[in-house]
N, C-alpha and C. Protein backbone atom coordinates (compact mmCIF):
# COMPACT_ATOMS: atom_id res chain seq x y z
N MET A 1 138.91 -202.94 24.72
CA MET A 1 139.74 -203.94 24.11
C MET A 1 139.87 -205.11 25.16
N ALA A 2 139.78 -206.38 24.64
CA ALA A 2 139.73 -207.37 25.42
C ALA A 2 140.97 -207.74 26.05
N SER A 3 140.98 -208.18 27.20
CA SER A 3 142.27 -208.83 27.95
C SER A 3 142.77 -210.05 27.37
N ILE A 4 144.21 -210.10 27.28
CA ILE A 4 145.01 -211.14 26.70
C ILE A 4 144.86 -212.32 27.86
N PRO A 5 144.43 -213.56 27.55
CA PRO A 5 144.08 -214.52 28.57
C PRO A 5 145.60 -215.16 29.11
N THR A 6 145.62 -215.42 30.16
CA THR A 6 146.81 -215.95 30.95
C THR A 6 146.84 -217.33 30.54
N PRO A 7 147.96 -218.03 29.87
CA PRO A 7 147.98 -219.35 29.77
C PRO A 7 148.01 -220.04 31.22
N PRO A 8 147.50 -221.27 31.14
CA PRO A 8 147.78 -222.18 32.41
C PRO A 8 149.18 -222.42 32.63
N ALA A 9 149.42 -222.57 34.10
CA ALA A 9 150.78 -223.01 34.44
C ALA A 9 150.90 -224.29 33.91
N GLU A 10 152.37 -224.55 33.65
CA GLU A 10 152.70 -226.06 33.20
C GLU A 10 153.24 -226.70 34.54
N PRO A 11 153.37 -228.07 34.63
CA PRO A 11 153.90 -228.55 35.68
C PRO A 11 155.46 -228.25 35.91
N GLN A 12 155.97 -228.30 37.09
CA GLN A 12 157.31 -227.98 37.32
C GLN A 12 157.90 -229.50 37.19
N ASP A 13 158.16 -229.64 35.85
CA ASP A 13 158.67 -231.04 35.54
C ASP A 13 159.52 -230.85 34.30
N SER A 14 160.65 -231.49 34.27
CA SER A 14 161.58 -231.47 33.32
C SER A 14 161.33 -232.73 32.34
N PRO A 15 161.00 -232.28 30.77
CA PRO A 15 160.83 -233.46 30.00
C PRO A 15 162.04 -234.40 29.70
N ASP A 16 163.26 -234.03 30.23
CA ASP A 16 164.52 -234.88 30.23
C ASP A 16 164.27 -236.18 31.01
N GLY A 17 163.34 -235.96 31.99
CA GLY A 17 163.06 -237.30 33.09
C GLY A 17 162.42 -238.32 32.35
N TYR A 18 161.60 -238.26 31.03
CA TYR A 18 161.08 -239.17 30.42
C TYR A 18 161.84 -239.88 29.68
N VAL A 19 162.96 -239.45 29.25
CA VAL A 19 163.66 -240.11 27.99
C VAL A 19 164.11 -241.34 28.46
N GLY A 20 164.06 -242.38 27.68
CA GLY A 20 164.39 -243.84 28.15
C GLY A 20 163.25 -244.66 28.78
N LEU A 21 162.08 -243.89 29.10
CA LEU A 21 161.00 -244.87 29.86
C LEU A 21 160.22 -245.34 28.60
N ASP A 22 159.57 -246.50 29.18
CA ASP A 22 158.42 -247.10 28.07
C ASP A 22 157.40 -246.13 27.89
N ALA A 23 157.16 -246.14 26.69
CA ALA A 23 155.98 -244.89 26.29
C ALA A 23 154.85 -244.98 27.04
N ALA A 24 154.15 -246.22 27.13
CA ALA A 24 152.98 -246.04 28.00
C ALA A 24 153.20 -245.54 29.31
N HIS A 25 154.07 -246.05 29.94
CA HIS A 25 154.39 -245.75 31.35
C HIS A 25 154.70 -244.21 31.38
N ALA A 26 155.36 -243.75 30.59
CA ALA A 26 155.88 -242.35 30.53
C ALA A 26 154.53 -241.24 30.17
N GLU A 27 153.46 -241.69 29.43
CA GLU A 27 152.37 -241.06 29.26
C GLU A 27 151.44 -241.01 30.55
N ARG A 28 151.37 -242.04 31.25
CA ARG A 28 150.75 -242.10 32.43
C ARG A 28 151.33 -241.34 33.56
N PHE A 29 152.55 -241.45 33.65
CA PHE A 29 153.35 -240.64 34.61
C PHE A 29 153.19 -239.22 34.24
N ALA A 30 153.30 -238.78 33.06
CA ALA A 30 153.18 -237.20 32.85
C ALA A 30 151.73 -236.60 33.09
N ARG A 31 150.75 -237.58 32.83
CA ARG A 31 149.36 -237.10 33.18
C ARG A 31 149.02 -237.02 34.73
N GLN A 32 149.88 -237.92 35.30
CA GLN A 32 149.90 -237.64 36.98
C GLN A 32 150.49 -236.41 37.35
N ARG A 33 151.58 -236.15 36.69
CA ARG A 33 152.35 -235.01 36.98
C ARG A 33 151.56 -233.61 36.54
N GLY A 34 150.64 -233.73 35.81
CA GLY A 34 149.67 -232.57 35.61
C GLY A 34 149.89 -232.11 34.19
N TRP A 35 150.49 -232.95 33.33
CA TRP A 35 150.49 -232.33 31.87
C TRP A 35 148.89 -232.72 31.44
N SER A 36 148.40 -231.53 30.59
CA SER A 36 146.85 -231.74 30.09
C SER A 36 146.92 -232.47 28.83
N THR A 37 147.94 -232.54 28.06
CA THR A 37 148.03 -233.06 26.75
C THR A 37 149.26 -233.65 26.62
N VAL A 38 149.34 -235.19 26.30
CA VAL A 38 150.46 -235.87 25.96
C VAL A 38 150.45 -236.54 24.62
N ARG A 39 151.47 -236.08 23.81
CA ARG A 39 151.43 -236.49 22.44
C ARG A 39 152.64 -237.34 22.20
N SER A 40 152.33 -238.69 21.67
CA SER A 40 153.28 -239.66 21.36
C SER A 40 153.36 -239.58 19.85
N LEU A 41 154.65 -239.39 19.24
CA LEU A 41 155.06 -239.38 17.76
C LEU A 41 156.03 -240.23 17.52
N PRO A 42 155.98 -240.81 16.22
CA PRO A 42 157.06 -241.61 15.70
C PRO A 42 158.13 -240.83 15.07
N PRO A 43 159.44 -241.22 15.13
CA PRO A 43 160.46 -240.30 14.78
C PRO A 43 160.31 -240.04 13.16
N GLY A 44 160.64 -238.54 13.22
CA GLY A 44 160.27 -237.82 11.77
C GLY A 44 158.95 -237.50 11.35
N ALA A 45 158.01 -237.58 12.40
CA ALA A 45 156.58 -237.28 12.07
C ALA A 45 156.64 -235.63 11.77
N ILE A 46 155.58 -235.38 10.89
CA ILE A 46 155.59 -234.19 10.53
C ILE A 46 154.40 -233.49 11.48
N ILE A 47 154.79 -232.47 12.20
CA ILE A 47 153.91 -231.87 13.08
C ILE A 47 153.70 -230.37 12.96
N THR A 48 152.61 -229.68 13.30
CA THR A 48 152.77 -228.20 13.51
C THR A 48 153.69 -227.79 14.60
N MET A 49 154.06 -226.55 14.47
CA MET A 49 155.07 -226.03 15.41
C MET A 49 154.48 -225.21 16.35
N GLU A 50 152.91 -225.14 16.47
CA GLU A 50 152.52 -224.12 17.62
C GLU A 50 152.87 -224.54 18.75
N TYR A 51 153.01 -223.60 19.77
CA TYR A 51 153.25 -223.90 21.21
C TYR A 51 152.04 -224.04 21.96
N ARG A 52 151.68 -225.01 22.56
CA ARG A 52 150.56 -225.34 23.38
C ARG A 52 151.05 -225.43 24.98
N ALA A 53 150.39 -224.54 25.69
CA ALA A 53 150.98 -224.55 27.00
C ALA A 53 150.14 -226.03 27.71
N GLY A 54 151.01 -226.61 28.52
CA GLY A 54 150.44 -227.80 28.87
C GLY A 54 150.59 -228.97 28.29
N ARG A 55 151.24 -229.02 27.09
CA ARG A 55 151.17 -230.23 26.13
C ARG A 55 152.89 -230.74 26.23
N LEU A 56 153.01 -231.89 26.58
CA LEU A 56 154.22 -232.66 26.45
C LEU A 56 154.29 -233.59 25.38
N ASN A 57 155.31 -233.41 24.50
CA ASN A 57 155.41 -234.32 23.11
C ASN A 57 156.55 -235.44 23.35
N PHE A 58 156.16 -236.56 22.97
CA PHE A 58 157.42 -237.49 22.97
C PHE A 58 157.55 -238.07 21.69
N GLU A 59 158.93 -238.24 21.44
CA GLU A 59 159.32 -239.13 20.11
C GLU A 59 159.53 -240.44 20.65
N VAL A 60 158.74 -241.29 20.21
CA VAL A 60 158.91 -242.70 20.71
C VAL A 60 159.51 -243.70 19.55
N ARG A 61 160.63 -244.29 19.83
CA ARG A 61 161.25 -245.26 19.05
C ARG A 61 161.18 -246.75 19.90
N ASP A 62 160.82 -247.73 19.10
CA ASP A 62 160.78 -249.05 19.64
C ASP A 62 160.25 -249.14 21.16
N GLY A 63 159.12 -248.34 21.36
CA GLY A 63 158.43 -248.36 22.42
C GLY A 63 158.94 -247.36 23.51
N ARG A 64 159.87 -246.85 23.35
CA ARG A 64 160.61 -245.97 24.48
C ARG A 64 160.55 -244.51 24.04
N VAL A 65 160.71 -243.68 25.00
CA VAL A 65 160.63 -242.25 24.79
C VAL A 65 162.14 -241.91 24.28
N ALA A 66 162.48 -241.29 23.18
CA ALA A 66 163.74 -241.17 22.74
C ALA A 66 164.04 -239.64 22.88
N ARG A 67 162.89 -239.01 22.81
CA ARG A 67 163.11 -237.40 23.08
C ARG A 67 161.82 -236.82 23.58
N ALA A 68 161.82 -235.87 24.45
CA ALA A 68 160.58 -235.12 24.95
C ALA A 68 160.82 -233.75 24.96
N TRP A 69 159.68 -232.83 24.73
CA TRP A 69 159.72 -231.52 24.96
C TRP A 69 158.41 -230.99 25.09
N LYS A 70 158.59 -229.68 25.76
CA LYS A 70 157.31 -229.11 25.85
C LYS A 70 156.68 -228.36 24.67
N GLY A 71 155.28 -228.20 24.63
CA GLY A 71 154.50 -227.44 23.67
C GLY A 71 153.93 -228.29 22.72
């Protein structure tokens, strides 16, 4: 039986710290802090709900991060 792979460690970083930042700045900052994938989404975007370790999601309104969450 094959072993179950261990997901990579996520940055020790709170998504709440990105709320209110300019979206482009927030994305650069998140990548510098170790997030492997940063996804910017418009409000109400239809997205899949799979959890992906190392991904940070931003809901962007008027060029600013309105909401941020892992996965």
